[in-house]
């Protein structure tokens, strides 16, 4: 086990930080900042794989499938974080993007010892959410060798799911079992083996790309605006008005008026303004283009 760990890039000693305990605060933050700069370049090396993953998830979602993240420890928490941000940002149902962590929800706050080594637990957790062949399961494991995550990917593959894996070691064990392996090698951590640092940042960046890219494909944006956001508080209502103003060029009062006419649905309000149509007509236009806003507007212009 020890020898196996020693071969992993995520477990190697970073020679630049071997005096970490003797560094001044400024020396420490400067070194950490320098190491963090490497993360984006490491992600860049995997853009082709990330693109493939986005396209697969988008296709499966259009068929009625879900995006399921499964991980342990920091990786599992990052999956949950990405999943829970989708409903308020993109107006999705909370069941569309799901985060599963070894040890259950309580493990998000307090580590559950031994959960990541339990191979049968992953199957139980995936069965509990009714996993089916239309879903996409992405395993998250910085080391790429977490038994819980690997077994989850194996199970998902057996029932016909498309699978992906995000790890931070080349030729990872989890990558061998995933249809789309994404291996972001960020190098040894400033604090040896602490993969919540660069590895965690890399995984977060990849998940940001995946979920945002998928939602673009699902028509959740217009230009670069969040037109499907859920206005669950006053701040978000005001943001919704601002989005309408940016998208259409109308003033605040008109944006407010159309937001009310649309039943507080930004996307519908924009179609009503840009196409000069009623609420009912806007709904039909959006349905006819599968919610892709620019297509709904362009179709109106053609007519």
C-alpha atoms as a PDB file:
ATOM      1  CA  UNK A   1       0.000   0.000   0.000  1.00  0.00           C
ATOM      2  CA  UNK A   2       2.750   2.454   0.982  1.00  0.00           C
ATOM      3  CA  UNK A   3       4.784   1.770  -2.156  1.00  0.00           C
ATOM      4  CA  UNK A   4       1.664   2.214  -4.272  1.00  0.00           C
ATOM      5  CA  UNK A   5       0.949   5.603  -2.715  1.00  0.00           C
ATOM      6  CA  UNK A   6       4.537   6.725  -3.179  1.00  0.00           C
ATOM      7  CA  UNK A   7       4.190   6.384  -6.962  1.00  0.00           C
ATOM      8  CA  UNK A   8       1.300   8.873  -7.090  1.00  0.00           C
ATOM      9  CA  UNK A   9       2.090  12.455  -8.055  1.00  0.00           C
ATOM     10  CA  UNK A  10      -0.463  13.646  -5.503  1.00  0.00           C
ATOM     11  CA  UNK A  11       1.560  11.984  -2.721  1.00  0.00           C
ATOM     12  CA  UNK A  12       5.028  13.170  -3.720  1.00  0.00           C
ATOM     13  CA  UNK A  13       7.017  15.722  -1.725  1.00  0.00           C
ATOM     14  CA  UNK A  14       7.209  19.219  -3.165  1.00  0.00           C
ATOM     15  CA  UNK A  15      10.880  20.233  -2.920  1.00  0.00           C
ATOM     16  CA  UNK A  16       9.944  23.919  -3.036  1.00  0.00           C
ATOM     17  CA  UNK A  17       8.098  23.650   0.273  1.00  0.00           C
ATOM     18  CA  UNK A  18      10.477  21.433   2.267  1.00  0.00           C
ATOM     19  CA  UNK A  19      11.106  24.397   4.597  1.00  0.00           C
ATOM     20  CA  UNK A  20       7.408  25.110   5.016  1.00  0.00           C
ATOM     21  CA  UNK A  21       7.607  25.023   8.814  1.00  0.00           C
ATOM     22  CA  UNK A  22      10.344  27.672   8.783  1.00  0.00           C
ATOM     23  CA  UNK A  23       8.943  30.042   6.177  1.00  0.00           C
ATOM     24  CA  UNK A  24       7.647  33.503   6.971  1.00  0.00           C
ATOM     25  CA  UNK A  25       3.974  34.086   6.311  1.00  0.00           C
ATOM     26  CA  UNK A  26       4.779  36.073   3.186  1.00  0.00           C
ATOM     27  CA  UNK A  27       7.141  33.380   1.881  1.00  0.00           C
ATOM     28  CA  UNK A  28       4.425  30.784   2.438  1.00  0.00           C
ATOM     29  CA  UNK A  29       1.620  32.641   0.659  1.00  0.00           C
ATOM     30  CA  UNK A  30       3.959  33.575  -2.210  1.00  0.00           C
ATOM     31  CA  UNK A  31       4.924  29.925  -2.718  1.00  0.00           C
ATOM     32  CA  UNK A  32       1.327  28.750  -2.475  1.00  0.00           C
ATOM     33  CA  UNK A  33       0.244  31.366  -4.996  1.00  0.00           C
ATOM     34  CA  UNK A  34       3.001  30.290  -7.387  1.00  0.00           C
ATOM     35  CA  UNK A  35       1.902  26.662  -7.100  1.00  0.00           C
ATOM     36  CA  UNK A  36      -1.762  27.549  -7.569  1.00  0.00           C
ATOM     37  CA  UNK A  37      -0.903  29.295 -10.860  1.00  0.00           C
ATOM     38  CA  UNK A  38      -0.049  25.872 -12.282  1.00  0.00           C
ATOM     39  CA  UNK A  39      -3.603  24.572 -11.851  1.00  0.00           C
ATOM     40  CA  UNK A  40      -5.171  26.341 -14.840  1.00  0.00           C
ATOM     41  CA  UNK A  41      -2.422  25.095 -17.139  1.00  0.00           C
ATOM     42  CA  UNK A  42      -2.934  21.545 -15.897  1.00  0.00           C
ATOM     43  CA  UNK A  43      -6.651  21.847 -16.619  1.00  0.00           C
ATOM     44  CA  UNK A  44      -5.848  23.232 -20.076  1.00  0.00           C
ATOM     45  CA  UNK A  45      -4.093  19.969 -20.947  1.00  0.00           C
ATOM     46  CA  UNK A  46      -7.401  18.119 -20.443  1.00  0.00           C
ATOM     47  CA  UNK A  47      -9.735  20.417 -22.380  1.00  0.00           C
ATOM     48  CA  UNK A  48     -10.423  17.858 -25.091  1.00  0.00           C
ATOM     49  CA  UNK A  49     -11.538  15.264 -22.548  1.00  0.00           C
ATOM     50  CA  UNK A  50     -13.599  17.826 -20.665  1.00  0.00           C
ATOM     51  CA  UNK A  51     -15.308  18.843 -23.919  1.00  0.00           C
ATOM     52  CA  UNK A  52     -16.194  15.219 -24.651  1.00  0.00           C
ATOM     53  CA  UNK A  53     -17.629  14.863 -21.158  1.00  0.00           C
ATOM     54  CA  UNK A  54     -19.805  17.961 -21.568  1.00  0.00           C
ATOM     55  CA  UNK A  55     -21.159  16.740 -24.893  1.00  0.00           C
ATOM     56  CA  UNK A  56     -22.029  13.317 -23.503  1.00  0.00           C
ATOM     57  CA  UNK A  57     -23.789  14.730 -20.435  1.00  0.00           C
ATOM     58  CA  UNK A  58     -25.752  17.218 -22.556  1.00  0.00           C
ATOM     59  CA  UNK A  59     -26.883  14.472 -24.927  1.00  0.00           C
ATOM     60  CA  UNK A  60     -27.985  12.213 -22.076  1.00  0.00           C
ATOM     61  CA  UNK A  61     -29.824  15.029 -20.295  1.00  0.00           C
ATOM     62  CA  UNK A  62     -31.804  15.719 -23.447  1.00  0.00           C
ATOM     63  CA  UNK A  63     -32.833  12.064 -23.309  1.00  0.00           C
ATOM     64  CA  UNK A  64     -34.041  12.507 -19.734  1.00  0.00           C
ATOM     65  CA  UNK A  65     -30.872  11.470 -17.928  1.00  0.00           C
ATOM     66  CA  UNK A  66     -29.157  13.038 -14.941  1.00  0.00           C
ATOM     67  CA  UNK A  67     -25.602  14.037 -14.046  1.00  0.00           C
ATOM     68  CA  UNK A  68     -24.396  12.145 -10.972  1.00  0.00           C
ATOM     69  CA  UNK A  69     -21.175  13.029  -9.178  1.00  0.00           C
ATOM     70  CA  UNK A  70     -19.799  10.417  -6.793  1.00  0.00           C
ATOM     71  CA  UNK A  71     -16.766  10.926  -4.559  1.00  0.00           C
ATOM     72  CA  UNK A  72     -15.265  10.737  -1.085  1.00  0.00           C
ATOM     73  CA  UNK A  73     -13.785  13.386   1.191  1.00  0.00           C
ATOM     74  CA  UNK A  74     -12.882  16.669  -0.485  1.00  0.00           C
ATOM     75  CA  UNK A  75     -13.731  15.302  -3.924  1.00  0.00           C
ATOM     76  CA  UNK A  76     -17.195  14.227  -2.781  1.00  0.00           C
ATOM     77  CA  UNK A  77     -17.822  17.616  -1.174  1.00  0.00           C
ATOM     78  CA  UNK A  78     -16.852  19.397  -4.389  1.00  0.00           C
ATOM     79  CA  UNK A  79     -19.350  17.260  -6.319  1.00  0.00           C
ATOM     80  CA  UNK A  80     -22.127  18.153  -3.897  1.00  0.00           C
ATOM     81  CA  UNK A  81     -21.175  21.830  -4.035  1.00  0.00           C
ATOM     82  CA  UNK A  82     -21.416  21.871  -7.824  1.00  0.00           C
ATOM     83  CA  UNK A  83     -24.714  19.980  -7.766  1.00  0.00           C
ATOM     84  CA  UNK A  84     -26.485  22.191  -5.230  1.00  0.00           C
ATOM     85  CA  UNK A  85     -25.525  25.369  -7.090  1.00  0.00           C
ATOM     86  CA  UNK A  86     -27.297  24.275 -10.279  1.00  0.00           C
ATOM     87  CA  UNK A  87     -30.936  24.887  -9.211  1.00  0.00           C
ATOM     88  CA  UNK A  88     -30.494  28.532  -8.130  1.00  0.00           C
ATOM     89  CA  UNK A  89     -28.105  29.362 -10.982  1.00  0.00           C
ATOM     90  CA  UNK A  90     -29.793  27.558 -13.858  1.00  0.00           C
ATOM     91  CA  UNK A  91     -33.346  26.985 -12.637  1.00  0.00           C
ATOM     92  CA  UNK A  92     -32.970  23.195 -12.773  1.00  0.00           C
ATOM     93  CA  UNK A  93     -34.793  20.642 -10.656  1.00  0.00           C
ATOM     94  CA  UNK A  94     -32.665  19.521  -7.711  1.00  0.00           C
ATOM     95  CA  UNK A  95     -32.740  15.964  -9.043  1.00  0.00           C
ATOM     96  CA  UNK A  96     -31.063  16.833 -12.375  1.00  0.00           C
ATOM     97  CA  UNK A  97     -27.529  17.163 -10.992  1.00  0.00           C
ATOM     98  CA  UNK A  98     -26.819  15.011  -7.954  1.00  0.00           C
ATOM     99  CA  UNK A  99     -23.816  14.809  -5.657  1.00  0.00           C
ATOM    100  CA  UNK A 100     -23.129  11.619  -3.678  1.00  0.00           C
ATOM    101  CA  UNK A 101     -20.442  11.385  -1.001  1.00  0.00           C
ATOM    102  CA  UNK A 102     -19.102   8.296   0.743  1.00  0.00           C
ATOM    103  CA  UNK A 103     -20.660   8.179   4.195  1.00  0.00           C
ATOM    104  CA  UNK A 104     -23.807  10.088   3.236  1.00  0.00           C
ATOM    105  CA  UNK A 105     -24.806  13.695   3.811  1.00  0.00           C
ATOM    106  CA  UNK A 106     -23.279  13.786   7.301  1.00  0.00           C
ATOM    107  CA  UNK A 107     -19.868  13.207   5.705  1.00  0.00           C
ATOM    108  CA  UNK A 108     -20.102  16.650   4.097  1.00  0.00           C
ATOM    109  CA  UNK A 109     -19.356  18.196   7.500  1.00  0.00           C
ATOM    110  CA  UNK A 110     -17.681  15.391   9.430  1.00  0.00           C
ATOM    111  CA  UNK A 111     -15.419  12.756   7.916  1.00  0.00           C
ATOM    112  CA  UNK A 112     -16.850   9.233   8.102  1.00  0.00           C
ATOM    113  CA  UNK A 113     -13.902   6.941   8.692  1.00  0.00           C
ATOM    114  CA  UNK A 114     -13.624   3.943   6.387  1.00  0.00           C
ATOM    115  CA  UNK A 115     -16.474   4.976   4.085  1.00  0.00           C
ATOM    116  CA  UNK A 116     -14.192   5.583   1.111  1.00  0.00           C
ATOM    117  CA  UNK A 117     -12.867   2.017   1.360  1.00  0.00           C
ATOM    118  CA  UNK A 118     -16.330   0.433   1.385  1.00  0.00           C
ATOM    119  CA  UNK A 119     -16.876  -0.975  -2.116  1.00  0.00           C
ATOM    120  CA  UNK A 120     -20.479  -2.127  -1.596  1.00  0.00           C
ATOM    121  CA  UNK A 121     -21.596   1.230  -0.209  1.00  0.00           C
ATOM    122  CA  UNK A 122     -21.266   2.937  -3.593  1.00  0.00           C
ATOM    123  CA  UNK A 123     -23.676   0.454  -5.184  1.00  0.00           C
ATOM    124  CA  UNK A 124     -26.185   0.987  -2.382  1.00  0.00           C
ATOM    125  CA  UNK A 125     -25.945   4.766  -2.736  1.00  0.00           C
ATOM    126  CA  UNK A 126     -26.447   4.674  -6.504  1.00  0.00           C
ATOM    127  CA  UNK A 127     -29.344   2.239  -6.248  1.00  0.00           C
ATOM    128  CA  UNK A 128     -30.942   4.507  -3.650  1.00  0.00           C
ATOM    129  CA  UNK A 129     -31.284   7.302  -6.214  1.00  0.00           C
ATOM    130  CA  UNK A 130     -32.687   4.959  -8.856  1.00  0.00           C
ATOM    131  CA  UNK A 131     -29.689   5.064 -11.178  1.00  0.00           C
ATOM    132  CA  UNK A 132     -30.619   4.136 -14.750  1.00  0.00           C
ATOM    133  CA  UNK A 133     -28.905   3.769 -18.116  1.00  0.00           C
ATOM    134  CA  UNK A 134     -29.803   7.316 -19.226  1.00  0.00           C
ATOM    135  CA  UNK A 135     -27.754   8.844 -16.387  1.00  0.00           C
ATOM    136  CA  UNK A 136     -24.111   9.890 -16.529  1.00  0.00           C
ATOM    137  CA  UNK A 137     -21.930   9.094 -13.519  1.00  0.00           C
ATOM    138  CA  UNK A 138     -18.701  11.015 -12.957  1.00  0.00           C
ATOM    139  CA  UNK A 139     -16.347   9.650 -10.314  1.00  0.00           C
ATOM    140  CA  UNK A 140     -14.267  12.185  -8.396  1.00  0.00           C
ATOM    141  CA  UNK A 141     -11.037  11.033  -6.750  1.00  0.00           C
ATOM    142  CA  UNK A 142      -7.870  13.128  -6.585  1.00  0.00           C
ATOM    143  CA  UNK A 143      -5.742  10.021  -6.102  1.00  0.00           C
ATOM    144  CA  UNK A 144      -7.702   8.070  -8.693  1.00  0.00           C
ATOM    145  CA  UNK A 145      -7.680   4.975  -6.505  1.00  0.00           C
ATOM    146  CA  UNK A 146     -10.576   5.394  -4.035  1.00  0.00           C
ATOM    147  CA  UNK A 147     -12.389   2.001  -3.796  1.00  0.00           C
ATOM    148  CA  UNK A 148     -15.815   3.563  -3.135  1.00  0.00           C
ATOM    149  CA  UNK A 149     -15.613   5.702  -6.271  1.00  0.00           C
ATOM    150  CA  UNK A 150     -14.095   3.037  -8.512  1.00  0.00           C
ATOM    151  CA  UNK A 151     -16.786   0.544  -7.593  1.00  0.00           C
ATOM    152  CA  UNK A 152     -19.442   3.165  -8.232  1.00  0.00           C
ATOM    153  CA  UNK A 153     -18.085   3.697 -11.742  1.00  0.00           C
ATOM    154  CA  UNK A 154     -17.929  -0.055 -12.374  1.00  0.00           C
ATOM    155  CA  UNK A 155     -21.539  -0.483 -11.257  1.00  0.00           C
ATOM    156  CA  UNK A 156     -22.725   2.432 -13.377  1.00  0.00           C
ATOM    157  CA  UNK A 157     -20.995   0.952 -16.426  1.00  0.00           C
ATOM    158  CA  UNK A 158     -22.626  -2.437 -15.840  1.00  0.00           C
ATOM    159  CA  UNK A 159     -26.118  -0.978 -15.991  1.00  0.00           C
ATOM    160  CA  UNK A 160     -25.332   0.944 -19.165  1.00  0.00           C
ATOM    161  CA  UNK A 161     -24.505   4.441 -17.907  1.00  0.00           C
ATOM    162  CA  UNK A 162     -21.986   6.676 -19.629  1.00  0.00           C
ATOM    163  CA  UNK A 163     -19.171   7.365 -17.162  1.00  0.00           C
ATOM    164  CA  UNK A 164     -16.411   9.872 -16.515  1.00  0.00           C
ATOM    165  CA  UNK A 165     -13.665  10.304 -13.936  1.00  0.00           C
ATOM    166  CA  UNK A 166     -11.808  13.331 -12.609  1.00  0.00           C
ATOM    167  CA  UNK A 167      -8.489  12.578 -10.928  1.00  0.00           C
ATOM    168  CA  UNK A 168      -5.088  14.212 -10.518  1.00  0.00           C
ATOM    169  CA  UNK A 169      -2.755  11.343 -11.443  1.00  0.00           C
ATOM    170  CA  UNK A 170      -1.920  10.031 -14.901  1.00  0.00           C
ATOM    171  CA  UNK A 171      -2.931   6.468 -15.750  1.00  0.00           C
ATOM    172  CA  UNK A 172      -5.188   6.452 -12.701  1.00  0.00           C
ATOM    173  CA  UNK A 173      -7.027   3.329 -11.621  1.00  0.00           C
ATOM    174  CA  UNK A 174     -10.376   5.085 -11.842  1.00  0.00           C
ATOM    175  CA  UNK A 175      -9.519   6.309 -15.333  1.00  0.00           C
ATOM    176  CA  UNK A 176      -9.201   2.710 -16.511  1.00  0.00           C
ATOM    177  CA  UNK A 177     -12.862   2.100 -15.697  1.00  0.00           C
ATOM    178  CA  UNK A 178     -14.368   5.359 -17.040  1.00  0.00           C
ATOM    179  CA  UNK A 179     -15.474   6.079 -20.585  1.00  0.00           C
ATOM    180  CA  UNK A 180     -14.006   9.596 -20.343  1.00  0.00           C
ATOM    181  CA  UNK A 181     -11.041   9.875 -17.950  1.00  0.00           C
ATOM    182  CA  UNK A 182     -10.019  13.442 -17.070  1.00  0.00           C
ATOM    183  CA  UNK A 183      -6.604  13.429 -15.391  1.00  0.00           C
ATOM    184  CA  UNK A 184      -5.446  16.865 -14.270  1.00  0.00           C
ATOM    185  CA  UNK A 185      -1.868  16.532 -13.012  1.00  0.00           C
ATOM    186  CA  UNK A 186      -1.120  19.556 -10.853  1.00  0.00           C
ATOM    187  CA  UNK A 187       2.044  18.178  -9.259  1.00  0.00           C
ATOM    188  CA  UNK A 188       2.968  17.654  -5.584  1.00  0.00           C
ATOM    189  CA  UNK A 189       1.080  19.731  -3.040  1.00  0.00           C
ATOM    190  CA  UNK A 190       2.691  22.465  -0.921  1.00  0.00           C
ATOM    191  CA  UNK A 191       1.561  20.403   2.064  1.00  0.00           C
ATOM    192  CA  UNK A 192       2.468  16.858   1.085  1.00  0.00           C
ATOM    193  CA  UNK A 193      -0.568  14.749   0.230  1.00  0.00           C
ATOM    194  CA  UNK A 194      -3.109  17.456   1.077  1.00  0.00           C
ATOM    195  CA  UNK A 195      -5.226  17.129  -2.060  1.00  0.00           C
ATOM    196  CA  UNK A 196      -7.735  19.723  -0.866  1.00  0.00           C
ATOM    197  CA  UNK A 197      -5.199  22.249  -2.201  1.00  0.00           C
ATOM    198  CA  UNK A 198      -4.145  22.217  -5.893  1.00  0.00           C
ATOM    199  CA  UNK A 199      -5.944  18.969  -6.640  1.00  0.00           C
ATOM    200  CA  UNK A 200      -9.123  20.320  -5.067  1.00  0.00           C
ATOM    201  CA  UNK A 201      -8.842  23.552  -7.035  1.00  0.00           C
ATOM    202  CA  UNK A 202      -8.332  21.592 -10.259  1.00  0.00           C
ATOM    203  CA  UNK A 203     -11.374  19.407  -9.643  1.00  0.00           C
ATOM    204  CA  UNK A 204     -13.495  22.457  -8.837  1.00  0.00           C
ATOM    205  CA  UNK A 205     -12.416  24.127 -12.091  1.00  0.00           C
ATOM    206  CA  UNK A 206     -13.266  21.012 -14.088  1.00  0.00           C
ATOM    207  CA  UNK A 207     -16.682  20.678 -12.450  1.00  0.00           C
ATOM    208  CA  UNK A 208     -17.364  24.361 -13.119  1.00  0.00           C
ATOM    209  CA  UNK A 209     -16.667  23.719 -16.790  1.00  0.00           C
ATOM    210  CA  UNK A 210     -18.774  20.563 -16.958  1.00  0.00           C
ATOM    211  CA  UNK A 211     -21.922  21.870 -15.278  1.00  0.00           C
ATOM    212  CA  UNK A 212     -21.783  25.297 -16.952  1.00  0.00           C
ATOM    213  CA  UNK A 213     -21.038  23.797 -20.373  1.00  0.00           C
ATOM    214  CA  UNK A 214     -23.902  21.350 -20.035  1.00  0.00           C
ATOM    215  CA  UNK A 215     -26.309  24.094 -19.030  1.00  0.00           C
ATOM    216  CA  UNK A 216     -25.265  26.158 -22.040  1.00  0.00           C
ATOM    217  CA  UNK A 217     -26.193  23.165 -24.186  1.00  0.00           C
ATOM    218  CA  UNK A 218     -29.503  22.871 -22.372  1.00  0.00           C
ATOM    219  CA  UNK A 219     -30.422  26.468 -23.195  1.00  0.00           C
ATOM    220  CA  UNK A 220     -29.988  27.872 -19.717  1.00  0.00           C
ATOM    221  CA  UNK A 221     -28.150  30.981 -20.937  1.00  0.00           C
ATOM    222  CA  UNK A 222     -28.743  33.793 -23.405  1.00  0.00           C
ATOM    223  CA  UNK A 223     -25.492  35.350 -24.565  1.00  0.00           C
ATOM    224  CA  UNK A 224     -23.629  35.093 -21.250  1.00  0.00           C
ATOM    225  CA  UNK A 225     -26.626  35.803 -19.021  1.00  0.00           C
ATOM    226  CA  UNK A 226     -28.282  33.448 -16.505  1.00  0.00           C
ATOM    227  CA  UNK A 227     -31.774  33.637 -17.947  1.00  0.00           C
ATOM    228  CA  UNK A 228     -33.143  30.644 -16.042  1.00  0.00           C
ATOM    229  CA  UNK A 229     -32.095  31.681 -12.549  1.00  0.00           C
ATOM    230  CA  UNK A 230     -34.567  31.092  -9.722  1.00  0.00           C
ATOM    231  CA  UNK A 231     -35.591  34.350  -8.068  1.00  0.00           C
ATOM    232  CA  UNK A 232     -35.902  33.086  -4.519  1.00  0.00           C
ATOM    233  CA  UNK A 233     -35.033  36.350  -2.774  1.00  0.00           C
ATOM    234  CA  UNK A 234     -35.099  40.120  -3.366  1.00  0.00           C
ATOM    235  CA  UNK A 235     -31.486  40.234  -4.543  1.00  0.00           C
ATOM    236  CA  UNK A 236     -32.197  37.639  -7.232  1.00  0.00           C
ATOM    237  CA  UNK A 237     -35.391  39.445  -8.315  1.00  0.00           C
ATOM    238  CA  UNK A 238     -33.305  42.557  -8.880  1.00  0.00           C
ATOM    239  CA  UNK A 239     -30.688  40.499 -10.693  1.00  0.00           C
ATOM    240  CA  UNK A 240     -33.460  39.139 -12.910  1.00  0.00           C
ATOM    241  CA  UNK A 241     -34.525  42.660 -13.833  1.00  0.00           C
ATOM    242  CA  UNK A 242     -30.917  43.531 -14.590  1.00  0.00           C
ATOM    243  CA  UNK A 243     -30.609  40.523 -16.894  1.00  0.00           C
ATOM    244  CA  UNK A 244     -33.724  41.579 -18.805  1.00  0.00           C
ATOM    245  CA  UNK A 245     -32.311  45.095 -19.162  1.00  0.00           C
ATOM    246  CA  UNK A 246     -28.941  43.814 -20.417  1.00  0.00           C
ATOM    247  CA  UNK A 247     -30.532  41.356 -22.829  1.00  0.00           C
ATOM    248  CA  UNK A 248     -33.077  43.717 -24.367  1.00  0.00           C
ATOM    249  CA  UNK A 249     -31.943  47.270 -23.696  1.00  0.00           C
ATOM    250  CA  UNK A 250     -35.194  48.247 -21.916  1.00  0.00           C
ATOM    251  CA  UNK A 251     -35.189  50.458 -18.829  1.00  0.00           C
ATOM    252  CA  UNK A 252     -35.760  49.353 -15.233  1.00  0.00           C
ATOM    253  CA  UNK A 253     -39.495  50.109 -15.195  1.00  0.00           C
ATOM    254  CA  UNK A 254     -40.172  48.114 -18.365  1.00  0.00           C
ATOM    255  CA  UNK A 255     -38.038  45.235 -17.130  1.00  0.00           C
ATOM    256  CA  UNK A 256     -40.086  45.198 -13.934  1.00  0.00           C
ATOM    257  CA  UNK A 257     -43.340  45.277 -15.899  1.00  0.00           C
ATOM    258  CA  UNK A 258     -42.416  42.389 -18.168  1.00  0.00           C
ATOM    259  CA  UNK A 259     -41.009  40.331 -15.328  1.00  0.00           C
ATOM    260  CA  UNK A 260     -44.424  40.502 -13.695  1.00  0.00           C
ATOM    261  CA  UNK A 261     -46.228  39.721 -16.968  1.00  0.00           C
ATOM    262  CA  UNK A 262     -44.025  36.665 -17.469  1.00  0.00           C
ATOM    263  CA  UNK A 263     -44.809  35.203 -14.062  1.00  0.00           C
ATOM    264  CA  UNK A 264     -41.305  36.107 -12.875  1.00  0.00           C
ATOM    265  CA  UNK A 265     -39.615  34.068 -15.599  1.00  0.00           C
ATOM    266  CA  UNK A 266     -36.716  36.018 -17.093  1.00  0.00           C
ATOM    267  CA  UNK A 267     -36.412  33.955 -20.279  1.00  0.00           C
ATOM    268  CA  UNK A 268     -40.091  34.364 -21.114  1.00  0.00           C
ATOM    269  CA  UNK A 269     -39.944  38.102 -20.413  1.00  0.00           C
ATOM    270  CA  UNK A 270     -37.039  38.504 -22.847  1.00  0.00           C
ATOM    271  CA  UNK A 271     -38.907  36.671 -25.618  1.00  0.00           C
ATOM    272  CA  UNK A 272     -41.991  38.816 -24.993  1.00  0.00           C
ATOM    273  CA  UNK A 273     -39.947  41.996 -25.349  1.00  0.00           C
ATOM    274  CA  UNK A 274     -37.720  40.966 -28.256  1.00  0.00           C
ATOM    275  CA  UNK A 275     -40.525  39.316 -30.231  1.00  0.00           C
ATOM    276  CA  UNK A 276     -43.239  41.774 -29.186  1.00  0.00           C
ATOM    277  CA  UNK A 277     -45.552  38.922 -28.324  1.00  0.00           C
ATOM    278  CA  UNK A 278     -47.849  37.782 -25.539  1.00  0.00           C
ATOM    279  CA  UNK A 279     -46.929  35.511 -22.657  1.00  0.00           C
ATOM    280  CA  UNK A 280     -48.720  32.576 -24.280  1.00  0.00           C
ATOM    281  CA  UNK A 281     -46.922  33.119 -27.598  1.00  0.00           C
ATOM    282  CA  UNK A 282     -43.550  33.365 -25.840  1.00  0.00           C
ATOM    283  CA  UNK A 283     -44.138  30.030 -24.120  1.00  0.00           C
ATOM    284  CA  UNK A 284     -44.907  28.375 -27.482  1.00  0.00           C
ATOM    285  CA  UNK A 285     -41.796  29.880 -29.081  1.00  0.00           C
ATOM    286  CA  UNK A 286     -39.566  28.616 -26.271  1.00  0.00           C
ATOM    287  CA  UNK A 287     -41.107  25.173 -26.370  1.00  0.00           C
ATOM    288  CA  UNK A 288     -40.564  25.007 -30.117  1.00  0.00           C
ATOM    289  CA  UNK A 289     -36.825  25.625 -29.715  1.00  0.00           C
ATOM    290  CA  UNK A 290     -36.351  23.396 -26.643  1.00  0.00           C
ATOM    291  CA  UNK A 291     -35.785  26.471 -24.488  1.00  0.00           C
ATOM    292  CA  UNK A 292     -32.923  27.876 -26.580  1.00  0.00           C
ATOM    293  CA  UNK A 293     -33.623  31.585 -26.234  1.00  0.00           C
ATOM    294  CA  UNK A 294     -31.653  32.979 -29.168  1.00  0.00           C
ATOM    295  CA  UNK A 295     -33.342  30.485 -31.500  1.00  0.00           C
ATOM    296  CA  UNK A 296     -36.781  31.498 -30.240  1.00  0.00           C
ATOM    297  CA  UNK A 297     -35.996  35.142 -30.948  1.00  0.00           C
ATOM    298  CA  UNK A 298     -34.425  34.448 -34.356  1.00  0.00           C
ATOM    299  CA  UNK A 299     -37.451  32.403 -35.412  1.00  0.00           C
ATOM    300  CA  UNK A 300     -39.659  35.358 -34.532  1.00  0.00           C
ATOM    301  CA  UNK A 301     -37.526  37.684 -36.649  1.00  0.00           C
ATOM    302  CA  UNK A 302     -37.779  35.322 -39.646  1.00  0.00           C
ATOM    303  CA  UNK A 303     -41.544  35.262 -39.375  1.00  0.00           C
END
